[in-house]
Amino acid sequence: NGVFTEKTWDGSIKITDSNIKMDMLGMLDFRNELPEFDFTLNLAESNLYKLNFDKTDPTSHLAMLVTANFRGNNIDNLFGEIKLLNSTIRKFGNSLELYDFSLKAFNENSKPAISLRTDFVDADLRGYYNFGEIGNVLKTALATLAPLRFRAPEKLRKQSGNQFTFNLSFKNSDKINNFFRTGLILAEKSTINGSFYGDSIINIAANARSLNYRNNIFNNLVFNAIYTGTELTADLKSSSLMVLGRSDLKGFKAGFMAVPDNFTFTFDWDNKEKLLSKGDFIARGSFLPKENGKKGAYLNIKIDSSKVYSKNNIWRIRESEITIDSGSTQIKRFIIASGINSYTIDGAISGNTADTLSLAFNGIDLGPLGNPVKPSETAKEDDIPFNLKGIVNGDIIISSALKNPLIQSNIRVNGFSILGGDYGDVSLISQWNSASNVADINASNNLNGTKNIDIKGIYDPGIKKFSLAGTASKLPVDALNPLLSFFASEIKGSVSGKFKLSGAPKELILSGALMAENTSMKIDYLQTTYTINDSIRFDYSRNSYIRPRYPKEDYRLCDYR
């Protein structure tokens, strides 16, 4: 219902359907250069999947109440206010409630201003802004700092110029980060603020009591950066950096400084304790013109020699060099060594089959990777303690790393243990078979003179598929204890049998059967111990793949007598 003209509408709209229920009341006016909007929209329910707005998630739904009174056709000329109240977004079975959202553009002290208020973040911008020009400003900055590598964009004829300040304040952001699966956890009252003056001066500062990105945790983080037209400097300080929950780098500092075609990157840390944990790293980069008359530039990075102390053990980073060109990265003997123990990376990363990257390990202890140094504040109760143990020796060679990569390996792990289960000495050998044009794969263990697991097969890079056959002989099941600890304990015994693993890496198919021999487990809720002497069959059926994301849909476990 309403009054319609060629450029105006004043009335109401009501839609009732199995996939959408919506009411709208208001006015739209397109007669002037900047259109005007004044309406209330009540979207009671909408199935975004069936409406083809979201083609990936069948659970995707949206409900919201919107009130709007503004003019403009983009964020640069918006004037007025948009509000969202009591809105709900649902994706992948999770819901995000948005009770109060307000975006307001107005004038303050005769200058433009924007104010954003939400349940999760507040933001303010004061001054003259044109977001459409910011992309060109950043490209111009890149061309100024690396003229051999980047070309300056053409200047716009009508540049209004950006001269504004901004600030963001985060609150209760865990909900929105969990919903969108960003992997980020940010402490309350974290802030980002800065200023933007034309294309010559940009300042950004950030503070956070804690920032956790995928279990890399900065505590008391302070970040500052300034670009002044011909120079960029940035520094970061943190009272401690926990790397993957395992290495605690106290007093962590990082710095970056760039001038035309040259930059320096540094970081260091020092716990200032008797049990030393400190180190430093310095890399210097330069863009250089290609030789022999070729157009363009390549990046050369020189890494200085330095020392790292870990629990009073000294590791030396040897001087090395990295060259990055279009489609290829050359690494010249990057070595970290402590006595006879060392990591070595040497070779090329590219899509050329003749280029190989070599990773060598000599006496490397897996223990530090097994468990966090200490549980983090964000650790979940159901986090699985992998308890990795073992000493790694051997090498891995990767050919054509960026296009149809082929991996050859000769890895030995002495005293290998995972999830509390001991498997003795484990070897993994992968070799290229030039006659068959496939990689032959062999993996096995030796626990007190017994081979509990033996896997043989191939990987065909032409069709990108594995074909592996395995035999288990009295393979201990102790490792199931931490995996099933949410309902069972005291799992012991062994399994024997044969199985096959085939298919593409992301669609592996498991088939075969394993015989549980004198295997037992206690169901904690019942405080009852069950003994199993039976077969567990992995029966492949159509669309039944091993996908870690949804294990309950991947394969069937059947009891055969």
Protein backbone atom coordinates (compact mmCIF):
# COMPACT_ATOMS: atom_id res chain seq x y z
CA ASN A 1 0.00 0.00 0.00
CA GLY A 2 1.11 3.59 -0.58
CA VAL A 3 1.64 6.46 -2.93
CA PHE A 4 4.06 5.85 -5.82
CA THR A 5 5.70 8.20 -8.30
CA GLU A 6 8.65 7.71 -10.61
CA LYS A 7 11.13 8.75 -7.90
CA THR A 8 9.22 8.54 -4.62
CA TRP A 9 7.40 5.98 -2.52
CA ASP A 10 5.39 6.57 0.64
CA GLY A 11 3.51 3.66 2.14
CA SER A 12 3.86 0.14 3.56
CA ILE A 13 5.01 -3.31 2.45
CA LYS A 14 4.07 -6.63 4.01
CA ILE A 15 5.51 -10.00 3.02
CA THR A 16 4.37 -13.29 4.54
CA ASP A 17 6.06 -16.39 3.19
CA SER A 18 7.48 -19.65 4.52
CA ASN A 19 11.00 -18.20 4.06
CA ILE A 20 10.46 -14.54 5.00
CA LYS A 21 8.14 -12.44 7.15
CA MET A 22 8.61 -8.68 6.82
CA ASP A 23 6.80 -5.38 7.41
CA MET A 24 8.04 -2.00 6.19
CA LEU A 25 6.51 1.43 6.71
CA GLY A 26 8.01 4.69 5.50
CA MET A 27 9.21 6.94 2.68
CA LEU A 28 11.89 6.76 -0.02
CA ASP A 29 12.69 9.88 -2.06
CA PHE A 30 15.09 9.87 -5.04
CA ARG A 31 14.23 13.28 -6.47
CA ASN A 32 17.38 15.03 -5.22
CA GLU A 33 21.05 14.30 -5.87
CA LEU A 34 21.24 12.58 -2.48
CA PRO A 35 18.30 10.21 -1.92
CA GLU A 36 16.38 10.46 1.36
CA PHE A 37 15.13 7.56 3.50
CA ASP A 38 12.75 7.54 6.44
CA PHE A 39 11.35 4.11 7.30
CA THR A 40 10.88 1.34 9.85
CA LEU A 41 11.61 -2.25 8.79
CA ASN A 42 10.58 -5.25 10.88
CA LEU A 43 12.14 -8.44 9.51
CA ALA A 44 10.53 -10.98 11.81
CA GLU A 45 12.16 -14.00 10.15
CA SER A 46 14.17 -14.82 7.02
CA ASN A 47 15.79 -18.02 5.80
CA LEU A 48 18.91 -16.70 4.07
CA TYR A 49 19.79 -20.13 2.69
CA LYS A 50 16.48 -20.72 0.93
CA LEU A 51 16.41 -17.10 -0.22
CA ASN A 52 19.83 -17.70 -1.86
CA PHE A 53 21.58 -14.96 0.12
CA ASP A 54 23.77 -17.59 1.80
CA LYS A 55 24.40 -20.68 -0.32
CA THR A 56 26.79 -22.41 2.10
CA ASP A 57 24.87 -22.70 5.39
CA PRO A 58 21.35 -24.23 5.63
CA THR A 59 20.99 -22.84 9.20
CA SER A 60 21.54 -19.22 8.12
CA HIS A 61 18.69 -16.97 9.38
CA LEU A 62 18.26 -13.26 10.06
CA ALA A 63 15.74 -11.28 12.11
CA MET A 64 15.99 -7.54 12.81
CA LEU A 65 14.16 -4.31 13.55
CA VAL A 66 15.57 -1.32 11.62
CA THR A 67 14.72 2.36 11.93
CA ALA A 68 16.35 4.76 9.46
CA ASN A 69 16.23 8.50 8.85
CA PHE A 70 19.08 9.64 6.61
CA ARG A 71 20.12 10.93 3.22
CA GLY A 72 23.02 9.79 1.04
CA ASN A 73 24.06 6.93 -1.21
CA ASN A 74 27.40 5.92 0.38
CA ILE A 75 29.28 6.26 3.66
CA ASP A 76 31.11 9.39 2.44
CA ASN A 77 27.93 11.49 2.04
CA LEU A 78 25.71 9.84 4.62
CA PHE A 79 23.88 12.24 6.95
CA GLY A 80 21.41 10.95 9.53
CA GLU A 81 20.99 7.83 11.62
CA ILE A 82 20.41 4.07 11.17
CA LYS A 83 19.45 1.88 14.12
CA LEU A 84 19.16 -1.89 14.54
CA LEU A 85 17.28 -3.18 17.58
CA ASN A 86 16.81 -6.70 18.93
CA SER A 87 18.39 -8.34 15.90
CA THR A 88 19.49 -11.99 15.60
CA ILE A 89 21.87 -13.57 13.11
CA ARG A 90 22.14 -17.36 12.98
CA LYS A 91 24.89 -19.28 11.17
CA PHE A 92 26.23 -22.81 11.50
CA GLY A 93 23.76 -23.43 14.32
CA ASN A 94 25.07 -20.49 16.41
CA SER A 95 23.21 -17.26 17.16
CA LEU A 96 24.48 -13.70 17.59
CA GLU A 97 22.18 -11.28 19.39
CA LEU A 98 22.50 -7.60 18.53
CA TYR A 99 20.36 -5.58 20.90
CA ASP A 100 21.56 -2.07 20.11
CA PHE A 101 23.30 -0.82 16.95
CA SER A 102 23.45 2.83 15.92
CA LEU A 103 25.31 4.49 13.04
CA LYS A 104 25.02 8.28 13.05
CA ALA A 105 26.56 10.85 10.66
CA PHE A 106 26.29 14.51 11.69
CA ASN A 107 28.16 17.81 11.97
CA GLU A 108 30.14 18.81 15.05
CA ASN A 109 31.87 22.19 15.33
CA SER A 110 31.16 22.74 11.62
CA LYS A 111 33.00 19.53 10.69
CA PRO A 112 31.67 16.10 9.64
CA ALA A 113 31.51 13.36 12.27
CA ILE A 114 30.54 9.70 12.45
CA SER A 115 29.52 7.82 15.58
CA LEU A 116 29.05 4.06 15.82
CA ARG A 117 27.59 2.40 18.92
CA THR A 118 27.11 -1.37 19.22
CA ASP A 119 27.07 -4.10 21.84
CA PHE A 120 30.63 -5.05 20.90
CA VAL A 121 32.54 -1.96 19.75
CA ASP A 122 32.16 1.83 19.84
CA ALA A 123 33.80 4.03 17.22
CA ASP A 124 34.09 7.74 16.51
CA LEU A 125 35.49 9.69 13.59
CA ARG A 126 35.93 13.45 13.54
CA GLY A 127 37.00 15.53 10.54
CA TYR A 128 36.89 15.52 6.76
CA TYR A 129 36.85 12.07 5.23
CA ASN A 130 36.56 10.35 1.87
CA PHE A 131 36.93 6.61 2.29
CA GLY A 132 36.98 6.10 -1.47
CA GLU A 133 40.35 7.85 -1.64
CA ILE A 134 42.04 5.88 1.18
CA GLY A 135 42.88 2.96 -1.11
CA ASN A 136 44.78 5.29 -3.42
CA VAL A 137 46.57 6.89 -0.46
CA LEU A 138 47.80 3.49 0.76
CA LYS A 139 48.94 2.52 -2.76
CA THR A 140 50.80 5.82 -3.01
CA ALA A 141 52.50 5.13 0.33
CA LEU A 142 53.63 1.69 -0.91
CA ALA A 143 55.01 3.24 -4.10
CA THR A 144 56.89 5.85 -2.04
CA LEU A 145 58.44 3.29 0.32
CA ALA A 146 59.21 0.72 -2.42
CA PRO A 147 59.35 2.56 -5.75
CA LEU A 148 61.21 -0.29 -7.46
CA ARG A 149 58.43 -2.73 -6.57
CA PHE A 150 55.20 -0.71 -6.64
CA ARG A 151 53.88 1.80 -9.15
CA ALA A 152 52.10 4.92 -7.90
CA PRO A 153 48.40 5.10 -8.88
CA GLU A 154 47.09 7.92 -11.01
CA LYS A 155 45.96 10.86 -8.93
CA LEU A 156 42.24 11.54 -8.88
CA ARG A 157 41.17 14.80 -10.47
CA LYS A 158 38.98 15.82 -7.55
CA GLN A 159 40.66 14.93 -4.29
CA SER A 160 38.78 16.25 -1.30
CA GLY A 161 41.52 15.11 1.06
CA ASN A 162 41.30 13.18 4.30
CA GLN A 163 41.92 15.02 7.56
CA PHE A 164 40.36 13.16 10.45
CA THR A 165 40.97 11.45 13.75
CA PHE A 166 39.39 8.15 14.79
CA ASN A 167 39.13 5.86 17.79
CA LEU A 168 37.68 2.43 18.45
CA SER A 169 36.91 0.93 21.85
CA PHE A 170 36.17 -2.79 22.14
CA LYS A 171 33.79 -4.31 24.69
CA ASN A 172 32.45 -7.83 25.00
CA SER A 173 33.95 -8.67 21.60
CA ASP A 174 34.32 -12.39 22.37
CA LYS A 175 30.75 -13.07 21.24
CA ILE A 176 31.19 -11.57 17.79
CA ASN A 177 34.65 -13.12 17.30
CA ASN A 178 33.37 -16.56 18.30
CA PHE A 179 30.37 -16.19 16.01
CA PHE A 180 32.43 -15.27 12.96
CA ARG A 181 35.19 -17.72 13.95
CA THR A 182 37.96 -15.15 13.65
CA GLY A 183 40.20 -16.99 16.12
CA LEU A 184 40.66 -13.68 17.96
CA ILE A 185 40.07 -13.05 21.66
CA LEU A 186 40.44 -9.42 22.72
CA ALA A 187 40.37 -8.04 26.25
CA GLU A 188 37.70 -5.53 27.22
CA LYS A 189 38.61 -1.84 26.93
CA SER A 190 41.12 -2.52 24.15
CA THR A 191 41.50 0.54 21.92
CA ILE A 192 42.70 1.61 18.49
CA ASN A 193 43.06 5.29 17.65
CA GLY A 194 44.84 7.43 15.13
CA SER A 195 44.85 10.29 12.70
CA PHE A 196 44.92 10.69 8.94
CA TYR A 197 46.21 13.86 7.27
CA GLY A 198 46.11 13.82 3.49
CA ASP A 199 48.61 11.41 1.95
CA SER A 200 51.63 12.40 4.04
CA ILE A 201 50.99 11.68 7.74
CA ILE A 202 49.24 8.65 9.19
CA ASN A 203 49.33 7.70 12.89
CA ILE A 204 47.94 4.52 14.45
CA ALA A 205 48.15 3.45 18.11
CA ALA A 206 46.64 0.38 19.79
CA ASN A 207 46.47 -0.91 23.36
CA ALA A 208 45.17 -4.22 24.70
CA ARG A 209 45.51 -5.86 28.09
CA SER A 210 45.41 -9.17 26.23
CA LEU A 211 45.21 -10.20 22.59
CA ASN A 212 44.90 -13.89 21.73
CA TYR A 213 45.00 -15.02 18.11
CA ARG A 214 44.76 -18.78 17.72
CA ASN A 215 46.58 -19.36 21.03
CA ASN A 216 49.30 -16.78 20.32
CA ILE A 217 48.83 -14.48 23.30
CA PHE A 218 50.13 -10.93 23.74
CA ASN A 219 49.81 -9.52 27.26
CA ASN A 220 49.80 -5.75 27.90
CA LEU A 221 50.19 -5.02 24.22
CA VAL A 222 51.15 -1.53 23.00
CA PHE A 223 51.49 -0.77 19.27
CA ASN A 224 52.45 2.49 17.54
CA ALA A 225 53.02 3.29 13.86
CA ILE A 226 53.63 6.50 11.94
CA TYR A 227 54.01 7.19 8.23
CA THR A 228 55.48 10.59 7.30
CA GLY A 229 55.57 10.50 3.51
CA THR A 230 59.07 9.02 3.05
CA GLU A 231 59.45 6.88 6.17
CA LEU A 232 57.41 4.30 8.05
CA THR A 233 58.22 3.28 11.61
CA ALA A 234 56.32 0.86 13.81
CA ASP A 235 56.99 -0.72 17.17
CA LEU A 236 55.22 -3.27 19.31
CA LYS A 237 55.77 -4.03 22.99
CA SER A 238 54.28 -6.76 25.12
CA SER A 239 55.03 -7.86 28.67
CA SER A 240 54.94 -11.43 27.34
CA LEU A 241 54.16 -13.30 24.14
CA MET A 242 52.97 -16.89 24.44
CA VAL A 243 53.60 -18.62 21.08
CA LEU A 244 51.04 -21.37 20.44
CA GLY A 245 50.71 -21.68 24.20
CA ARG A 246 54.18 -23.22 24.43
CA SER A 247 56.94 -20.62 24.35
CA ASP A 248 56.66 -17.73 26.81
CA LEU A 249 58.69 -14.76 25.50
CA LYS A 250 58.76 -12.18 28.29
CA GLY A 251 59.59 -8.54 27.62
CA PHE A 252 58.81 -9.02 23.92
CA LYS A 253 59.56 -6.11 21.56
CA ALA A 254 59.34 -5.83 17.77
CA GLY A 255 60.27 -2.98 15.46
CA PHE A 256 59.97 -2.13 11.78
CA MET A 257 61.50 0.80 9.90
CA ALA A 258 61.21 1.47 6.17
CA VAL A 259 62.66 4.09 3.84
CA PRO A 260 62.54 3.96 0.03
CA ASP A 261 63.40 0.41 -1.11
CA ASN A 262 64.92 -0.60 2.24
CA PHE A 263 63.59 -1.86 5.56
CA THR A 264 64.77 -3.33 8.85
CA PHE A 265 62.77 -5.74 11.01
CA THR A 266 63.82 -6.66 14.57
CA PHE A 267 62.40 -8.44 17.57
CA ASP A 268 63.82 -9.49 20.93
CA TRP A 269 62.78 -10.71 24.36
CA ASP A 270 64.38 -11.23 27.77
CA ASN A 271 62.90 -12.78 30.92
CA LYS A 272 65.68 -11.22 33.05
CA GLU A 273 65.82 -14.34 35.24
CA LYS A 274 68.58 -16.77 36.22
CA LEU A 275 67.08 -19.44 33.98
CA LEU A 276 67.68 -17.55 30.76
CA SER A 277 65.00 -17.22 28.12
CA LYS A 278 66.02 -14.44 25.76
CA GLY A 279 67.00 -13.78 22.19
CA ASP A 280 67.02 -11.36 19.30
CA PHE A 281 66.46 -11.45 15.56
CA ILE A 282 67.45 -8.87 12.92
CA ALA A 283 66.54 -8.93 9.22
CA ARG A 284 67.38 -6.26 6.63
CA GLY A 285 65.55 -6.12 3.33
CA SER A 286 66.16 -4.30 0.05
CA PHE A 287 64.29 -4.12 -3.24
CA LEU A 288 66.82 -4.41 -6.08
CA PRO A 289 66.39 -4.09 -9.85
CA LYS A 290 66.43 -7.33 -11.80
CA GLU A 291 69.57 -8.03 -13.77
CA ASN A 292 70.17 -8.59 -17.49
CA GLY A 293 67.76 -5.86 -18.51
CA LYS A 294 64.71 -7.56 -17.02
CA LYS A 295 61.90 -5.34 -15.80
CA GLY A 296 60.82 -5.20 -12.20
CA ALA A 297 62.56 -5.81 -8.89
CA TYR A 298 63.25 -8.60 -6.45
CA LEU A 299 63.46 -8.58 -2.65
CA ASN A 300 66.67 -9.57 -0.91
CA ILE A 301 66.56 -10.20 2.86
CA LYS A 302 69.73 -10.66 4.90
CA ILE A 303 69.35 -12.29 8.33
CA ASP A 304 72.00 -11.40 10.89
CA SER A 305 73.61 -14.05 13.06
CA SER A 306 72.21 -13.97 16.60
CA LYS A 307 71.73 -16.02 19.76
CA VAL A 308 68.64 -17.43 21.49
CA TYR A 309 68.65 -18.79 25.04
CA SER A 310 66.02 -21.34 26.03
CA LYS A 311 66.21 -22.54 29.63
CA ASN A 312 69.93 -21.61 29.62
CA ASN A 313 70.52 -23.64 26.43
CA ILE A 314 72.05 -21.48 23.72
CA TRP A 315 70.82 -21.75 20.12
CA ARG A 316 72.64 -19.85 17.37
CA ILE A 317 70.90 -18.42 14.32
CA ARG A 318 73.48 -18.36 11.56
CA GLU A 319 73.73 -15.61 9.00
CA SER A 320 71.61 -16.40 5.96
CA GLU A 321 69.87 -14.87 3.00
CA ILE A 322 66.41 -15.03 1.42
CA THR A 323 65.63 -13.86 -2.13
CA ILE A 324 62.00 -13.37 -3.17
CA ASP A 325 61.21 -12.96 -6.85
CA SER A 326 58.01 -13.37 -8.83
CA GLY A 327 56.91 -16.97 -8.32
CA SER A 328 60.04 -18.07 -6.46
CA THR A 329 61.63 -17.79 -3.00
CA GLN A 330 65.23 -18.84 -2.47
CA ILE A 331 66.42 -19.65 1.08
CA LYS A 332 70.17 -19.92 1.55
CA ARG A 333 70.99 -22.27 4.44
CA PHE A 334 68.91 -20.89 7.29
CA ILE A 335 70.28 -22.79 10.29
CA ILE A 336 69.38 -22.76 13.99
CA ALA A 337 71.78 -24.93 15.97
CA SER A 338 72.65 -25.87 19.54
CA GLY A 339 75.69 -28.11 19.73
CA ILE A 340 75.00 -31.12 17.49
CA ASN A 341 71.26 -30.42 17.38
CA SER A 342 69.97 -28.28 14.53
CA TYR A 343 67.21 -27.23 12.15
CA THR A 344 68.20 -26.41 8.55
CA ILE A 345 66.12 -24.91 5.73
CA ASP A 346 67.74 -24.67 2.32
CA GLY A 347 66.51 -24.44 -1.26
CA ALA A 348 63.73 -22.91 -3.32
CA ILE A 349 59.96 -22.55 -3.03
CA SER A 350 58.30 -22.31 -6.44
CA GLY A 351 56.05 -24.11 -8.90
CA ASN A 352 59.02 -25.47 -10.84
CA THR A 353 59.55 -29.23 -10.47
CA ALA A 354 63.33 -28.67 -10.60
CA ASP A 355 63.22 -26.47 -7.48
CA THR A 356 63.40 -28.25 -4.13
CA LEU A 357 63.20 -27.12 -0.52
CA SER A 358 65.11 -29.18 2.02
CA LEU A 359 64.19 -29.32 5.72
CA ALA A 360 66.72 -31.14 7.89
CA PHE A 361 66.33 -32.10 11.57
CA ASN A 362 69.16 -33.31 13.77
CA GLY A 363 68.37 -34.36 17.35
CA ILE A 364 65.26 -32.18 17.71
CA ASP A 365 63.21 -32.81 20.87
CA LEU A 366 59.43 -32.85 20.32
CA GLY A 367 58.78 -32.33 24.04
CA PRO A 368 58.38 -28.52 23.92
CA LEU A 369 55.64 -28.96 21.30
CA GLY A 370 53.67 -31.39 23.41
CA ASN A 371 52.00 -29.18 25.96
CA PRO A 372 51.65 -25.50 26.84
CA VAL A 373 54.26 -24.05 29.20
CA LYS A 374 51.31 -23.17 31.41
CA PRO A 375 47.57 -23.24 30.82
CA SER A 376 46.33 -19.98 29.32
CA GLU A 377 43.35 -18.06 30.68
CA THR A 378 41.47 -19.00 27.52
CA ALA A 379 42.28 -22.71 27.62
CA LYS A 380 39.23 -24.90 27.40
CA GLU A 381 38.56 -27.74 29.79
CA ASP A 382 38.20 -30.14 26.85
CA ASP A 383 41.53 -29.18 25.22
CA ILE A 384 43.38 -32.41 24.44
CA PRO A 385 46.89 -32.78 25.96
CA PHE A 386 48.85 -34.31 23.06
CA ASN A 387 51.95 -34.93 25.23
CA LEU A 388 54.28 -35.25 22.25
CA LYS A 389 57.63 -36.85 23.00
CA GLY A 390 60.52 -38.09 20.92
CA ILE A 391 63.77 -37.10 19.22
CA VAL A 392 63.54 -36.31 15.49
CA ASN A 393 66.29 -36.95 12.93
CA GLY A 394 66.09 -36.91 9.17
CA ASP A 395 65.05 -34.70 6.29
CA ILE A 396 62.10 -33.67 4.16
CA ILE A 397 62.47 -32.56 0.53
CA ILE A 398 59.62 -30.68 -1.14
CA SER A 399 59.58 -30.27 -4.92
CA SER A 400 57.37 -27.79 -6.79
CA ALA A 401 56.03 -26.50 -3.47
CA LEU A 402 53.61 -23.99 -5.04
CA LYS A 403 52.18 -26.26 -7.75
CA ASN A 404 51.47 -29.99 -7.35
CA PRO A 405 53.95 -30.34 -4.45
CA LEU A 406 55.78 -33.62 -4.06
CA ILE A 407 57.14 -34.51 -0.62
CA GLN A 408 59.96 -36.99 -0.08
CA SER A 409 61.05 -37.78 3.44
CA ASN A 410 63.28 -39.90 5.60
CA ILE A 411 62.22 -39.14 9.15
CA ARG A 412 63.01 -41.12 12.27
CA VAL A 413 61.55 -40.37 15.69
CA ASN A 414 63.17 -42.22 18.58
CA GLY A 415 61.05 -42.81 21.69
CA PHE A 416 57.88 -41.47 20.06
CA SER A 417 54.90 -40.90 22.33
CA ILE A 418 51.61 -39.11 21.78
CA LEU A 419 48.47 -38.79 23.90
CA GLY A 420 50.20 -40.78 26.61
CA GLY A 421 50.73 -43.82 24.37
CA ASP A 422 54.26 -45.11 23.71
CA TYR A 423 55.14 -46.39 20.22
CA GLY A 424 58.90 -46.79 20.39
CA ASP A 425 60.95 -45.76 17.36
CA VAL A 426 58.89 -44.55 14.39
CA SER A 427 60.07 -44.09 10.81
CA LEU A 428 58.40 -42.37 7.85
CA ILE A 429 60.01 -42.80 4.43
CA SER A 430 58.67 -41.34 1.20
CA GLN A 431 60.65 -41.77 -2.03
CA TRP A 432 59.94 -40.89 -5.63
CA ASN A 433 59.47 -43.89 -7.93
CA SER A 434 60.52 -42.64 -11.37
CA ALA A 435 59.35 -45.84 -13.08
CA SER A 436 55.77 -45.48 -11.84
CA ASN A 437 55.74 -41.68 -11.40
CA VAL A 438 54.41 -42.03 -7.86
CA ALA A 439 55.79 -41.53 -4.36
CA ASP A 440 56.33 -44.76 -2.44
CA ILE A 441 55.35 -44.37 1.24
CA ASN A 442 56.44 -46.55 4.15
CA ALA A 443 55.67 -45.92 7.82
CA SER A 444 56.26 -48.26 10.75
CA ASN A 445 57.32 -48.47 14.38
CA ASN A 446 59.48 -50.62 16.59
CA LEU A 447 58.34 -50.94 20.20
CA ASN A 448 60.61 -53.25 22.19
CA GLY A 449 61.38 -55.29 19.07
CA THR A 450 57.73 -55.49 17.92
CA LYS A 451 56.28 -53.81 14.83
CA ASN A 452 52.82 -52.67 15.95
CA ILE A 453 51.95 -50.62 12.88
CA ASP A 454 53.11 -51.01 9.28
CA ILE A 455 51.77 -48.78 6.50
CA LYS A 456 52.77 -49.06 2.85
CA GLY A 457 51.40 -47.43 -0.28
CA ILE A 458 51.72 -44.63 -2.77
CA TYR A 459 50.79 -41.04 -3.47
CA ASP A 460 50.04 -40.23 -7.11
CA PRO A 461 50.63 -36.49 -7.71
CA GLY A 462 49.01 -36.78 -11.15
CA ILE A 463 45.58 -37.47 -9.62
CA LYS A 464 46.47 -36.13 -6.15
CA LYS A 465 45.37 -39.28 -4.31
CA PHE A 466 46.75 -41.66 -1.69
CA SER A 467 46.46 -45.45 -1.72
CA LEU A 468 47.72 -46.88 1.57
CA ALA A 469 47.41 -50.30 3.18
CA GLY A 470 48.13 -50.80 6.84
CA THR A 471 48.58 -53.65 9.29
CA ALA A 472 48.20 -53.31 13.04
CA SER A 473 49.66 -55.97 15.35
CA LYS A 474 48.88 -55.66 19.04
CA LEU A 475 48.81 -51.87 18.67
CA PRO A 476 48.34 -50.30 22.14
CA VAL A 477 45.14 -48.25 22.60
CA ASP A 478 46.37 -46.16 25.56
CA ALA A 479 46.24 -43.02 23.40
CA LEU A 480 42.42 -43.19 23.45
CA ASN A 481 42.38 -42.14 27.13
CA PRO A 482 42.68 -38.37 26.60
CA LEU A 483 40.46 -38.51 23.49
CA LEU A 484 37.60 -40.26 25.31
CA SER A 485 38.17 -38.75 28.74
CA PHE A 486 34.81 -36.93 28.59
CA PHE A 487 33.04 -40.23 29.37
CA ALA A 488 35.60 -43.04 29.86
CA SER A 489 38.91 -43.83 31.57
CA GLU A 490 41.38 -46.67 32.23
CA ILE A 491 41.35 -47.64 28.54
CA LYS A 492 43.89 -50.36 27.87
CA GLY A 493 44.55 -53.32 25.61
CA SER A 494 45.50 -53.56 21.94
CA VAL A 495 44.08 -53.98 18.45
CA SER A 496 45.19 -56.02 15.45
CA GLY A 497 43.97 -56.12 11.88
CA LYS A 498 44.22 -54.62 8.42
CA PHE A 499 42.89 -51.40 6.95
CA LYS A 500 43.09 -49.25 3.83
CA LEU A 501 43.25 -45.50 3.44
CA SER A 502 42.63 -44.02 -0.01
CA GLY A 503 41.51 -40.90 -1.81
CA ALA A 504 42.39 -37.21 -1.98
CA PRO A 505 43.91 -35.59 1.15
CA LYS A 506 40.62 -33.91 2.15
CA GLU A 507 38.42 -36.89 1.23
CA LEU A 508 40.24 -39.91 2.62
CA ILE A 509 38.28 -43.16 2.77
CA LEU A 510 38.95 -45.63 5.58
CA SER A 511 38.00 -49.30 5.26
CA GLY A 512 38.99 -52.54 6.95
CA ALA A 513 38.65 -54.11 10.40
CA LEU A 514 40.53 -54.14 13.68
CA MET A 515 40.21 -56.82 16.35
CA ALA A 516 40.11 -55.50 19.92
CA GLU A 517 42.14 -57.89 22.09
CA ASN A 518 41.59 -57.87 25.85
CA THR A 519 40.62 -54.23 25.53
CA SER A 520 38.78 -52.62 28.40
CA MET A 521 37.47 -49.22 29.48
CA LYS A 522 35.62 -47.81 32.43
CA ILE A 523 32.47 -45.78 31.82
CA ASP A 524 32.92 -43.09 34.45
CA TYR A 525 29.25 -42.24 34.92
CA LEU A 526 28.37 -45.89 35.63
CA GLN A 527 31.69 -46.67 37.36
CA THR A 528 31.60 -49.91 35.41
CA THR A 529 34.44 -51.50 33.44
CA TYR A 530 33.67 -53.20 30.11
CA THR A 531 35.92 -55.68 28.32
CA ILE A 532 35.94 -55.89 24.52
CA ASN A 533 37.13 -58.85 22.47
CA ASP A 534 35.52 -58.20 19.12
CA SER A 535 35.97 -56.65 15.69
CA ILE A 536 35.53 -53.01 14.82
CA ARG A 537 34.84 -52.65 11.11
CA PHE A 538 35.33 -49.45 9.14
CA ASP A 539 32.77 -49.77 6.39
CA TYR A 540 32.91 -47.23 3.56
CA SER A 541 29.63 -46.16 2.04
CA ARG A 542 28.78 -43.40 -0.40
CA ASN A 543 29.81 -39.92 0.79
CA SER A 544 31.35 -41.46 3.92
CA TYR A 545 34.75 -39.77 4.14
CA ILE A 546 37.12 -39.07 6.97
CA ARG A 547 36.53 -35.39 7.58
CA PRO A 548 37.95 -34.17 10.91
CA ARG A 549 35.28 -31.49 11.15
CA TYR A 550 32.34 -33.86 11.41
CA PRO A 551 33.75 -37.19 12.60
CA LYS A 552 30.39 -38.66 13.57
CA GLU A 553 29.37 -38.59 9.90
CA ASP A 554 32.60 -40.00 8.51
CA TYR A 555 32.44 -43.74 9.07
CA ARG A 556 30.40 -46.52 10.70
CA LEU A 557 31.57 -48.63 13.60
CA CYS A 558 29.88 -52.03 13.56
CA ASP A 559 29.96 -54.92 16.02
CA TYR A 560 30.50 -58.25 14.22
CA ARG A 561 30.41 -61.61 15.97
